[in-house]
Amino acid sequence: GGEHVAHMAHLGGALCGLIYLKMDWRWNWLGRRLKDL
């Protein structure tokens, strides 16, 4: 990409996407457990 590419913006967006989906799955699991409780 070169030095003028916003690598941190790319990485931040990618990490956010990964965490968002993983946490969403985890929250869904946690939500089911809380509902059962």
Full PDB file with SEQRES, HELIX, SHEET, SSBOND, CRYST1, ORIGX, SCALE, CONECT and MASTER records, all heavy atoms in Angstrom:
SEQRES   1 A   37  GLY GLY GLU HIS VAL ALA HIS MET ALA HIS LEU GLY GLY          
SEQRES   2 A   37  ALA LEU CYS GLY LEU ILE TYR LEU LYS MET ASP TRP ARG          
SEQRES   3 A   37  TRP ASN TRP LEU GLY ARG ARG LEU LYS ASP LEU                  
HELIX    1 AA1 HIS A    7  ASP A   36  1                                  30    
CRYST1    1.000    1.000    1.000  90.00  90.00  90.00 P 1           1          
ORIGX1      1.000000  0.000000  0.000000        0.00000                         
ORIGX2      0.000000  1.000000  0.000000        0.00000                         
ORIGX3      0.000000  0.000000  1.000000        0.00000                         
SCALE1      1.000000  0.000000  0.000000        0.00000                         
SCALE2      0.000000  1.000000  0.000000        0.00000                         
SCALE3      0.000000  0.000000  1.000000        0.00000                         
ATOM      1  N   GLY A   1       0.793  -1.229   0.000  1.00  0.00           N  
ATOM      2  CA  GLY A   1       0.000   0.000   0.000  1.00  0.00           C  
ATOM      3  C   GLY A   1       0.818   1.268   0.000  1.00  0.00           C  
ATOM      4  O   GLY A   1       0.365   2.297  -0.486  1.00  0.00           O  
ATOM      5  N   GLY A   2       2.013   1.233   0.564  1.00  0.00           N  
ATOM      6  CA  GLY A   2       2.815   2.452   0.609  1.00  0.00           C  
ATOM      7  C   GLY A   2       2.555   3.251   1.865  1.00  0.00           C  
ATOM      8  O   GLY A   2       1.618   3.000   2.631  1.00  0.00           O  
ATOM      9  N   GLU A   3       3.389   4.259   2.086  1.00  0.00           N  
ATOM     10  CA  GLU A   3       3.330   5.030   3.328  1.00  0.00           C  
ATOM     11  C   GLU A   3       2.167   5.998   3.388  1.00  0.00           C  
ATOM     12  O   GLU A   3       1.808   6.491   4.457  1.00  0.00           O  
ATOM     13  CB  GLU A   3       4.643   5.806   3.500  1.00  0.00           C  
ATOM     14  CG  GLU A   3       4.919   6.808   2.388  1.00  0.00           C  
ATOM     15  CD  GLU A   3       6.229   7.548   2.595  1.00  0.00           C  
ATOM     16  OE1 GLU A   3       7.010   7.137   3.459  1.00  0.00           O  
ATOM     17  OE2 GLU A   3       6.445   8.558   1.886  1.00  0.00           O  
ATOM     18  N   HIS A   4       1.556   6.300   2.249  1.00  0.00           N  
ATOM     19  CA  HIS A   4       0.447   7.257   2.236  1.00  0.00           C  
ATOM     20  C   HIS A   4      -0.913   6.569   2.365  1.00  0.00           C  
ATOM     21  O   HIS A   4      -1.949   7.232   2.278  1.00  0.00           O  
ATOM     22  CB  HIS A   4       0.480   8.087   0.952  1.00  0.00           C  
ATOM     23  CG  HIS A   4       1.713   8.937   0.827  1.00  0.00           C  
ATOM     24  ND1 HIS A   4       2.002   9.941   1.728  1.00  0.00           N  
ATOM     25  CD2 HIS A   4       2.737   8.922  -0.067  1.00  0.00           C  
ATOM     26  CE1 HIS A   4       3.132  10.522   1.394  1.00  0.00           C  
ATOM     27  NE2 HIS A   4       3.609   9.922   0.305  1.00  0.00           N  
ATOM     28  N   VAL A   5      -0.911   5.253   2.550  1.00  0.00           N  
ATOM     29  CA  VAL A   5      -2.160   4.520   2.739  1.00  0.00           C  
ATOM     30  C   VAL A   5      -2.505   4.504   4.226  1.00  0.00           C  
ATOM     31  O   VAL A   5      -1.627   4.320   5.079  1.00  0.00           O  
ATOM     32  CB  VAL A   5      -2.032   3.072   2.208  1.00  0.00           C  
ATOM     33  CG1 VAL A   5      -3.294   2.277   2.532  1.00  0.00           C  
ATOM     34  CG2 VAL A   5      -1.783   3.086   0.711  1.00  0.00           C  
ATOM     35  N   ALA A   6      -3.774   4.695   4.544  1.00  0.00           N  
ATOM     36  CA  ALA A   6      -4.223   4.741   5.945  1.00  0.00           C  
ATOM     37  C   ALA A   6      -4.379   3.324   6.486  1.00  0.00           C  
ATOM     38  O   ALA A   6      -5.485   2.813   6.650  1.00  0.00           O  
ATOM     39  CB  ALA A   6      -5.536   5.517   6.048  1.00  0.00           C  
ATOM     40  N   HIS A   7      -3.246   2.696   6.786  1.00  0.00           N  
ATOM     41  CA  HIS A   7      -3.283   1.305   7.237  1.00  0.00           C  
ATOM     42  C   HIS A   7      -4.071   1.133   8.525  1.00  0.00           C  
ATOM     43  O   HIS A   7      -4.761   0.127   8.711  1.00  0.00           O  
ATOM     44  CB  HIS A   7      -1.852   0.789   7.427  1.00  0.00           C  
ATOM     45  CG  HIS A   7      -1.047   0.748   6.170  1.00  0.00           C  
ATOM     46  ND1 HIS A   7      -1.394  -0.036   5.088  1.00  0.00           N  
ATOM     47  CD2 HIS A   7       0.101   1.396   5.809  1.00  0.00           C  
ATOM     48  CE1 HIS A   7      -0.501   0.115   4.122  1.00  0.00           C  
ATOM     49  NE2 HIS A   7       0.410   0.986   4.534  1.00  0.00           N  
ATOM     50  N   MET A   8      -3.952   2.095   9.442  1.00  0.00           N  
ATOM     51  CA  MET A   8      -4.655   1.960  10.719  1.00  0.00           C  
ATOM     52  C   MET A   8      -6.172   2.048  10.536  1.00  0.00           C  
ATOM     53  O   MET A   8      -6.928   1.397  11.256  1.00  0.00           O  
ATOM     54  CB  MET A   8      -4.177   3.039  11.699  1.00  0.00           C  
ATOM     55  CG  MET A   8      -2.751   2.833  12.188  1.00  0.00           C  
ATOM     56  SD  MET A   8      -2.486   1.231  12.999  1.00  0.00           S  
ATOM     57  CE  MET A   8      -1.576   0.347  11.702  1.00  0.00           C  
ATOM     58  N   ALA A   9      -6.603   2.842   9.558  1.00  0.00           N  
ATOM     59  CA  ALA A   9      -8.043   2.905   9.275  1.00  0.00           C  
ATOM     60  C   ALA A   9      -8.529   1.567   8.736  1.00  0.00           C  
ATOM     61  O   ALA A   9      -9.600   1.069   9.125  1.00  0.00           O  
ATOM     62  CB  ALA A   9      -8.327   4.020   8.269  1.00  0.00           C  
ATOM     63  N   HIS A  10      -7.728   0.947   7.850  1.00  0.00           N  
ATOM     64  CA  HIS A  10      -8.085  -0.369   7.313  1.00  0.00           C  
ATOM     65  C   HIS A  10      -8.138  -1.399   8.444  1.00  0.00           C  
ATOM     66  O   HIS A  10      -9.093  -2.176   8.554  1.00  0.00           O  
ATOM     67  CB  HIS A  10      -7.053  -0.820   6.271  1.00  0.00           C  
ATOM     68  CG  HIS A  10      -6.990   0.078   5.083  1.00  0.00           C  
ATOM     69  ND1 HIS A  10      -6.085  -0.114   4.055  1.00  0.00           N  
ATOM     70  CD2 HIS A  10      -7.710   1.176   4.727  1.00  0.00           C  
ATOM     71  CE1 HIS A  10      -6.247   0.819   3.140  1.00  0.00           C  
ATOM     72  NE2 HIS A  10      -7.224   1.618   3.529  1.00  0.00           N  
ATOM     73  N   LEU A  11      -7.086  -1.400   9.267  1.00  0.00           N  
ATOM     74  CA  LEU A  11      -7.008  -2.376  10.346  1.00  0.00           C  
ATOM     75  C   LEU A  11      -8.111  -2.158  11.376  1.00  0.00           C  
ATOM     76  O   LEU A  11      -8.721  -3.113  11.864  1.00  0.00           O  
ATOM     77  CB  LEU A  11      -5.636  -2.287  11.019  1.00  0.00           C  
ATOM     78  CG  LEU A  11      -5.364  -3.274  12.158  1.00  0.00           C  
ATOM     79  CD1 LEU A  11      -5.486  -4.703  11.665  1.00  0.00           C  
ATOM     80  CD2 LEU A  11      -3.993  -3.022  12.763  1.00  0.00           C  
ATOM     81  N   GLY A  12      -8.384  -0.896  11.689  1.00  0.00           N  
ATOM     82  CA  GLY A  12      -9.443  -0.605  12.651  1.00  0.00           C  
ATOM     83  C   GLY A  12     -10.797  -1.078  12.171  1.00  0.00           C  
ATOM     84  O   GLY A  12     -11.573  -1.663  12.937  1.00  0.00           O  
ATOM     85  N   GLY A  13     -11.093  -0.826  10.883  1.00  0.00           N  
ATOM     86  CA  GLY A  13     -12.371  -1.295  10.340  1.00  0.00           C  
ATOM     87  C   GLY A  13     -12.465  -2.802  10.327  1.00  0.00           C  
ATOM     88  O   GLY A  13     -13.511  -3.379  10.660  1.00  0.00           O  
ATOM     89  N   ALA A  14     -11.360  -3.475   9.943  1.00  0.00           N  
ATOM     90  CA  ALA A  14     -11.353  -4.937   9.896  1.00  0.00           C  
ATOM     91  C   ALA A  14     -11.533  -5.529  11.292  1.00  0.00           C  
ATOM     92  O   ALA A  14     -12.311  -6.475  11.484  1.00  0.00           O  
ATOM     93  CB  ALA A  14     -10.048  -5.425   9.273  1.00  0.00           C  
ATOM     94  N   LEU A  15     -10.811  -4.988  12.282  1.00  0.00           N  
ATOM     95  CA  LEU A  15     -10.938  -5.495  13.654  1.00  0.00           C  
ATOM     96  C   LEU A  15     -12.341  -5.260  14.204  1.00  0.00           C  
ATOM     97  O   LEU A  15     -12.899  -6.120  14.896  1.00  0.00           O  
ATOM     98  CB  LEU A  15      -9.906  -4.807  14.553  1.00  0.00           C  
ATOM     99  CG  LEU A  15      -8.452  -5.235  14.354  1.00  0.00           C  
ATOM    100  CD1 LEU A  15      -7.530  -4.389  15.226  1.00  0.00           C  
ATOM    101  CD2 LEU A  15      -8.266  -6.714  14.676  1.00  0.00           C  
ATOM    102  N   CYS A  16     -12.898  -4.102  13.869  1.00  0.00           N  
ATOM    103  CA  CYS A  16     -14.263  -3.808  14.322  1.00  0.00           C  
ATOM    104  C   CYS A  16     -15.250  -4.812  13.736  1.00  0.00           C  
ATOM    105  O   CYS A  16     -16.127  -5.312  14.436  1.00  0.00           O  
ATOM    106  CB  CYS A  16     -14.645  -2.387  13.924  1.00  0.00           C  
ATOM    107  SG  CYS A  16     -16.318  -1.910  14.425  1.00  0.00           S  
ATOM    108  N   GLY A  17     -15.100  -5.108  12.425  1.00  0.00           N  
ATOM    109  CA  GLY A  17     -15.974  -6.092  11.804  1.00  0.00           C  
ATOM    110  C   GLY A  17     -15.854  -7.449  12.458  1.00  0.00           C  
ATOM    111  O   GLY A  17     -16.859  -8.135  12.719  1.00  0.00           O  
ATOM    112  N   LEU A  18     -14.623  -7.857  12.758  1.00  0.00           N  
ATOM    113  CA  LEU A  18     -14.400  -9.156  13.386  1.00  0.00           C  
ATOM    114  C   LEU A  18     -15.008  -9.199  14.787  1.00  0.00           C  
ATOM    115  O   LEU A  18     -15.736 -10.143  15.135  1.00  0.00           O  
ATOM    116  CB  LEU A  18     -12.890  -9.426  13.458  1.00  0.00           C  
ATOM    117  CG  LEU A  18     -12.469 -10.747  14.092  1.00  0.00           C  
ATOM    118  CD1 LEU A  18     -12.945 -11.926  13.251  1.00  0.00           C  
ATOM    119  CD2 LEU A  18     -10.944 -10.801  14.250  1.00  0.00           C  
ATOM    120  N   ILE A  19     -14.719  -8.172  15.581  1.00  0.00           N  
ATOM    121  CA  ILE A  19     -15.232  -8.144  16.957  1.00  0.00           C  
ATOM    122  C   ILE A  19     -16.748  -8.031  16.972  1.00  0.00           C  
ATOM    123  O   ILE A  19     -17.430  -8.685  17.769  1.00  0.00           O  
ATOM    124  CB  ILE A  19     -14.594  -6.977  17.737  1.00  0.00           C  
ATOM    125  CG1 ILE A  19     -13.091  -7.228  17.908  1.00  0.00           C  
ATOM    126  CG2 ILE A  19     -15.255  -6.793  19.093  1.00  0.00           C  
ATOM    127  CD1 ILE A  19     -12.333  -6.037  18.452  1.00  0.00           C  
ATOM    128  N   TYR A  20     -17.287  -7.213  16.072  1.00  0.00           N  
ATOM    129  CA  TYR A  20     -18.740  -7.004  16.021  1.00  0.00           C  
ATOM    130  C   TYR A  20     -19.473  -8.317  15.787  1.00  0.00           C  
ATOM    131  O   TYR A  20     -20.427  -8.649  16.491  1.00  0.00           O  
ATOM    132  CB  TYR A  20     -19.069  -6.012  14.919  1.00  0.00           C  
ATOM    133  CG  TYR A  20     -20.521  -5.618  14.820  1.00  0.00           C  
ATOM    134  CD1 TYR A  20     -20.988  -4.470  15.459  1.00  0.00           C  
ATOM    135  CD2 TYR A  20     -21.432  -6.366  14.080  1.00  0.00           C  
ATOM    136  CE1 TYR A  20     -22.309  -4.088  15.365  1.00  0.00           C  
ATOM    137  CE2 TYR A  20     -22.758  -6.000  13.984  1.00  0.00           C  
ATOM    138  CZ  TYR A  20     -23.198  -4.861  14.627  1.00  0.00           C  
ATOM    139  OH  TYR A  20     -24.524  -4.505  14.532  1.00  0.00           O  
ATOM    140  N   LEU A  21     -19.024  -9.080  14.786  1.00  0.00           N  
ATOM    141  CA  LEU A  21     -19.712 -10.326  14.485  1.00  0.00           C  
ATOM    142  C   LEU A  21     -19.482 -11.375  15.555  1.00  0.00           C  
ATOM    143  O   LEU A  21     -20.417 -12.087  15.945  1.00  0.00           O  
ATOM    144  CB  LEU A  21     -19.290 -10.867  13.112  1.00  0.00           C  
ATOM    145  CG  LEU A  21     -20.201 -10.425  11.973  1.00  0.00           C  
ATOM    146  CD1 LEU A  21     -19.978  -8.967  11.610  1.00  0.00           C  
ATOM    147  CD2 LEU A  21     -20.007 -11.291  10.742  1.00  0.00           C  
ATOM    148  N   LYS A  22     -18.259 -11.469  16.054  1.00  0.00           N  
ATOM    149  CA  LYS A  22     -17.984 -12.448  17.094  1.00  0.00           C  
ATOM    150  C   LYS A  22     -18.746 -12.122  18.370  1.00  0.00           C  
ATOM    151  O   LYS A  22     -19.303 -13.011  19.016  1.00  0.00           O  
ATOM    152  CB  LYS A  22     -16.482 -12.511  17.383  1.00  0.00           C  
ATOM    153  CG  LYS A  22     -15.661 -13.130  16.270  1.00  0.00           C  
ATOM    154  CD  LYS A  22     -16.012 -14.595  16.074  1.00  0.00           C  
ATOM    155  CE  LYS A  22     -15.111 -15.252  15.042  1.00  0.00           C  
ATOM    156  NZ  LYS A  22     -15.435 -16.681  14.843  1.00  0.00           N  
ATOM    157  N   MET A  23     -18.761 -10.850  18.756  1.00  0.00           N  
ATOM    158  CA  MET A  23     -19.494 -10.458  19.952  1.00  0.00           C  
ATOM    159  C   MET A  23     -20.989 -10.618  19.760  1.00  0.00           C  
ATOM    160  O   MET A  23     -21.712 -10.944  20.694  1.00  0.00           O  
ATOM    161  CB  MET A  23     -19.172  -9.004  20.319  1.00  0.00           C  
ATOM    162  CG  MET A  23     -17.789  -8.806  20.913  1.00  0.00           C  
ATOM    163  SD  MET A  23     -17.535  -9.771  22.429  1.00  0.00           S  
ATOM    164  CE  MET A  23     -18.724  -9.001  23.523  1.00  0.00           C  
ATOM    165  N   ASP A  24     -21.462 -10.400  18.545  1.00  0.00           N  
ATOM    166  CA  ASP A  24     -22.884 -10.585  18.268  1.00  0.00           C  
ATOM    167  C   ASP A  24     -23.276 -12.032  18.485  1.00  0.00           C  
ATOM    168  O   ASP A  24     -24.297 -12.334  19.101  1.00  0.00           O  
ATOM    169  CB  ASP A  24     -23.204 -10.157  16.835  1.00  0.00           C  
ATOM    170  CG  ASP A  24     -24.706 -10.198  16.562  1.00  0.00           C  
ATOM    171  OD1 ASP A  24     -25.472  -9.585  17.318  1.00  0.00           O  
ATOM    172  OD2 ASP A  24     -25.097 -10.851  15.589  1.00  0.00           O  
ATOM    173  N   TRP A  25     -22.428 -12.939  17.996  1.00  0.00           N  
ATOM    174  CA  TRP A  25     -22.714 -14.358  18.236  1.00  0.00           C  
ATOM    175  C   TRP A  25     -22.659 -14.664  19.728  1.00  0.00           C  
ATOM    176  O   TRP A  25     -23.496 -15.389  20.259  1.00  0.00           O  
ATOM    177  CB  TRP A  25     -21.696 -15.221  17.497  1.00  0.00           C  
ATOM    178  CG  TRP A  25     -21.760 -15.069  16.017  1.00  0.00           C  
ATOM    179  CD1 TRP A  25     -22.829 -14.646  15.275  1.00  0.00           C  
ATOM    180  CD2 TRP A  25     -20.703 -15.323  15.072  1.00  0.00           C  
ATOM    181  NE1 TRP A  25     -22.503 -14.620  13.946  1.00  0.00           N  
ATOM    182  CE2 TRP A  25     -21.217 -15.030  13.791  1.00  0.00           C  
ATOM    183  CE3 TRP A  25     -19.385 -15.762  15.205  1.00  0.00           C  
ATOM    184  CZ2 TRP A  25     -20.458 -15.179  12.636  1.00  0.00           C  
ATOM    185  CZ3 TRP A  25     -18.621 -15.913  14.058  1.00  0.00           C  
ATOM    186  CH2 TRP A  25     -19.149 -15.622  12.789  1.00  0.00           C  
ATOM    187  N   ARG A  26     -21.671 -14.078  20.423  1.00  0.00           N  
ATOM    188  CA  ARG A  26     -21.544 -14.328  21.855  1.00  0.00           C  
ATOM    189  C   ARG A  26     -22.722 -13.743  22.614  1.00  0.00           C  
ATOM    190  O   ARG A  26     -23.247 -14.357  23.544  1.00  0.00           O  
ATOM    191  CB  ARG A  26     -20.232 -13.722  22.350  1.00  0.00           C  
ATOM    192  CG  ARG A  26     -19.870 -14.125  23.768  1.00  0.00           C  
ATOM    193  CD  ARG A  26     -18.477 -13.631  24.120  1.00  0.00           C  
ATOM    194  NE  ARG A  26     -17.475 -14.179  23.226  1.00  0.00           N  
ATOM    195  CZ  ARG A  26     -16.213 -13.778  23.211  1.00  0.00           C  
ATOM    196  NH1 ARG A  26     -15.819 -12.826  24.038  1.00  0.00           N  
ATOM    197  NH2 ARG A  26     -15.347 -14.317  22.386  1.00  0.00           N  
ATOM    198  N   TRP A  27     -23.143 -12.529  22.206  1.00  0.00           N  
ATOM    199  CA  TRP A  27     -24.290 -11.926  22.877  1.00  0.00           C  
ATOM    200  C   TRP A  27     -25.560 -12.718  22.621  1.00  0.00           C  
ATOM    201  O   TRP A  27     -26.430 -12.819  23.490  1.00  0.00           O  
ATOM    202  CB  TRP A  27     -24.469 -10.482  22.423  1.00  0.00           C  
ATOM    203  CG  TRP A  27     -23.531  -9.528  23.069  1.00  0.00           C  
ATOM    204  CD1 TRP A  27     -22.584  -8.759  22.458  1.00  0.00           C  
ATOM    205  CD2 TRP A  27     -23.414  -9.231  24.460  1.00  0.00           C  
ATOM    206  NE1 TRP A  27     -21.886  -8.019  23.373  1.00  0.00           N  
ATOM    207  CE2 TRP A  27     -22.372  -8.274  24.610  1.00  0.00           C  
ATOM    208  CE3 TRP A  27     -24.083  -9.684  25.594  1.00  0.00           C  
ATOM    209  CZ2 TRP A  27     -22.001  -7.778  25.849  1.00  0.00           C  
ATOM    210  CZ3 TRP A  27     -23.709  -9.176  26.840  1.00  0.00           C  
ATOM    211  CH2 TRP A  27     -22.683  -8.234  26.949  1.00  0.00           C  
ATOM    212  N   ASN A  28     -25.687 -13.271  21.402  1.00  0.00           N  
ATOM    213  CA  ASN A  28     -26.849 -14.111  21.132  1.00  0.00           C  
ATOM    214  C   ASN A  28     -26.861 -15.324  22.049  1.00  0.00           C  
ATOM    215  O   ASN A  28     -27.903 -15.713  22.588  1.00  0.00           O  
ATOM    216  CB  ASN A  28     -26.844 -14.568  19.669  1.00  0.00           C  
ATOM    217  CG  ASN A  28     -27.236 -13.457  18.728  1.00  0.00           C  
ATOM    218  OD1 ASN A  28     -27.851 -12.478  19.137  1.00  0.00           O  
ATOM    219  ND2 ASN A  28     -26.888 -13.581  17.458  1.00  0.00           N  
ATOM    220  N   TRP A  29     -25.677 -15.956  22.218  1.00  0.00           N  
ATOM    221  CA  TRP A  29     -25.574 -17.103  23.110  1.00  0.00           C  
ATOM    222  C   TRP A  29     -25.882 -16.696  24.541  1.00  0.00           C  
ATOM    223  O   TRP A  29     -26.637 -17.364  25.251  1.00  0.00           O  
ATOM    224  CB  TRP A  29     -24.166 -17.688  23.007  1.00  0.00           C  
ATOM    225  CG  TRP A  29     -23.895 -18.764  24.015  1.00  0.00           C  
ATOM    226  CD1 TRP A  29     -24.217 -20.088  23.926  1.00  0.00           C  
ATOM    227  CD2 TRP A  29     -23.252 -18.603  25.293  1.00  0.00           C  
ATOM    228  NE1 TRP A  29     -23.810 -20.747  25.057  1.00  0.00           N  
ATOM    229  CE2 TRP A  29     -23.219 -19.880  25.913  1.00  0.00           C  
ATOM    230  CE3 TRP A  29     -22.698 -17.508  25.958  1.00  0.00           C  
ATOM    231  CZ2 TRP A  29     -22.655 -20.072  27.162  1.00  0.00           C  
ATOM    232  CZ3 TRP A  29     -22.141 -17.707  27.208  1.00  0.00           C  
ATOM    233  CH2 TRP A  29     -22.122 -18.974  27.797  1.00  0.00           C  
ATOM    234  N   LEU A  30     -25.290 -15.543  24.972  1.00  0.00           N  
ATOM    235  CA  LEU A  30     -25.526 -15.065  26.320  1.00  0.00           C  
ATOM    236  C   LEU A  30     -26.991 -14.698  26.526  1.00  0.00           C  
ATOM    237  O   LEU A  30     -27.565 -14.962  27.585  1.00  0.00           O  
ATOM    238  CB  LEU A  30     -24.630 -13.854  26.595  1.00  0.00           C  
ATOM    239  CG  LEU A  30     -24.721 -13.236  27.995  1.00  0.00           C  
ATOM    240  CD1 LEU A  30     -24.328 -14.263  29.044  1.00  0.00           C  
ATOM    241  CD2 LEU A  30     -23.813 -12.007  28.092  1.00  0.00           C  
ATOM    242  N   GLY A  31     -27.597 -14.104  25.485  1.00  0.00           N  
ATOM    243  CA  GLY A  31     -29.011 -13.746  25.584  1.00  0.00           C  
ATOM    244  C   GLY A  31     -29.895 -14.970  25.788  1.00  0.00           C  
ATOM    245  O   GLY A  31     -30.839 -14.945  26.572  1.00  0.00           O  
ATOM    246  N   ARG A  32     -29.569 -16.051  25.065  1.00  0.00           N  
ATOM    247  CA  ARG A  32     -30.345 -17.284  25.247  1.00  0.00           C  
ATOM    248  C   ARG A  32     -30.181 -17.838  26.659  1.00  0.00           C  
ATOM    249  O   ARG A  32     -31.136 -18.318  27.271  1.00  0.00           O  
ATOM    250  CB  ARG A  32     -29.916 -18.314  24.212  1.00  0.00           C  
ATOM    251  CG  ARG A  32     -30.355 -17.983  22.788  1.00  0.00           C  
ATOM    252  CD  ARG A  32     -30.193 -19.186  21.883  1.00  0.00           C  
ATOM    253  NE  ARG A  32     -28.798 -19.597  21.775  1.00  0.00           N  
ATOM    254  CZ  ARG A  32     -27.965 -19.150  20.847  1.00  0.00           C  
ATOM    255  NH1 ARG A  32     -28.383 -18.253  19.970  1.00  0.00           N  
ATOM    256  NH2 ARG A  32     -26.717 -19.578  20.802  1.00  0.00           N  
ATOM    257  N   ARG A  33     -28.932 -17.768  27.172  1.00  0.00           N  
ATOM    258  CA  ARG A  33     -28.698 -18.276  28.522  1.00  0.00           C  
ATOM    259  C   ARG A  33     -29.458 -17.449  29.561  1.00  0.00           C  
ATOM    260  O   ARG A  33     -30.049 -18.001  30.503  1.00  0.00           O  
ATOM    261  CB  ARG A  33     -27.198 -18.244  28.838  1.00  0.00           C  
ATOM    262  CG  ARG A  33     -26.361 -19.207  28.019  1.00  0.00           C  
ATOM    263  CD  ARG A  33     -26.741 -20.657  28.316  1.00  0.00           C  
ATOM    264  NE  ARG A  33     -26.488 -21.009  29.696  1.00  0.00           N  
ATOM    265  CZ  ARG A  33     -25.347 -21.522  30.147  1.00  0.00           C  
ATOM    266  NH1 ARG A  33     -24.344 -21.736  29.298  1.00  0.00           N  
ATOM    267  NH2 ARG A  33     -25.195 -21.828  31.413  1.00  0.00           N  
ATOM    268  N   LEU A  34     -29.442 -16.110  29.391  1.00  0.00           N  
ATOM    269  CA  LEU A  34     -30.168 -15.249  30.326  1.00  0.00           C  
ATOM    270  C   LEU A  34     -31.674 -15.473  30.242  1.00  0.00           C  
ATOM    271  O   LEU A  34     -32.368 -15.455  31.257  1.00  0.00           O  
ATOM    272  CB  LEU A  34     -29.834 -13.780  30.045  1.00  0.00           C  
ATOM    273  CG  LEU A  34     -28.406 -13.339  30.376  1.00  0.00           C  
ATOM    274  CD1 LEU A  34     -28.182 -11.904  29.917  1.00  0.00           C  
ATOM    275  CD2 LEU A  34     -28.141 -13.461  31.871  1.00  0.00           C  
ATOM    276  N   LYS A  35     -32.149 -15.685  29.012  1.00  0.00           N  
ATOM    277  CA  LYS A  35     -33.577 -15.954  28.840  1.00  0.00           C  
ATOM    278  C   LYS A  35     -33.966 -17.257  29.524  1.00  0.00           C  
ATOM    279  O   LYS A  35     -35.009 -17.338  30.191  1.00  0.00           O  
ATOM    280  CB  LYS A  35     -33.908 -16.025  27.351  1.00  0.00           C  
ATOM    281  CG  LYS A  35     -35.397 -16.125  27.059  1.00  0.00           C  
ATOM    282  CD  LYS A  35     -35.639 -16.084  25.566  1.00  0.00           C  
ATOM    283  CE  LYS A  35     -37.135 -16.154  25.262  1.00  0.00           C  
ATOM    284  NZ  LYS A  35     -37.386 -16.116  23.792  1.00  0.00           N  
ATOM    285  N   ASP A  36     -33.117 -18.285  29.374  1.00  0.00           N  
ATOM    286  CA  ASP A  36     -33.384 -19.565  30.042  1.00  0.00           C  
ATOM    287  C   ASP A  36     -33.346 -19.399  31.555  1.00  0.00           C  
ATOM    288  O   ASP A  36     -34.168 -19.988  32.270  1.00  0.00           O  
ATOM    289  CB  ASP A  36     -32.351 -20.611  29.610  1.00  0.00           C  
ATOM    290  CG  ASP A  36     -32.511 -21.022  28.158  1.00  0.00           C  
ATOM    291  OD1 ASP A  36     -33.597 -20.773  27.595  1.00  0.00           O  
ATOM    292  OD2 ASP A  36     -31.552 -21.574  27.581  1.00  0.00           O  
ATOM    293  N   LEU A  37     -32.395 -18.581  32.042  1.00  0.00           N  
ATOM    294  CA  LEU A  37     -32.289 -18.354  33.480  1.00  0.00           C  
ATOM    295  C   LEU A  37     -33.528 -17.646  34.005  1.00  0.00           C  
ATOM    296  O   LEU A  37     -34.067 -18.017  35.066  1.00  0.00           O  
ATOM    297  CB  LEU A  37     -31.033 -17.530  33.775  1.00  0.00           C  
ATOM    298  CG  LEU A  37     -30.774 -17.200  35.252  1.00  0.00           C  
ATOM    299  CD1 LEU A  37     -30.603 -18.467  36.063  1.00  0.00           C  
ATOM    300  CD2 LEU A  37     -29.550 -16.308  35.395  1.00  0.00           C  
TER     301      LEU A  37                                                      
MASTER        0    0    0    1    0    0    0    6  300    1    0    3          
END                                                                             
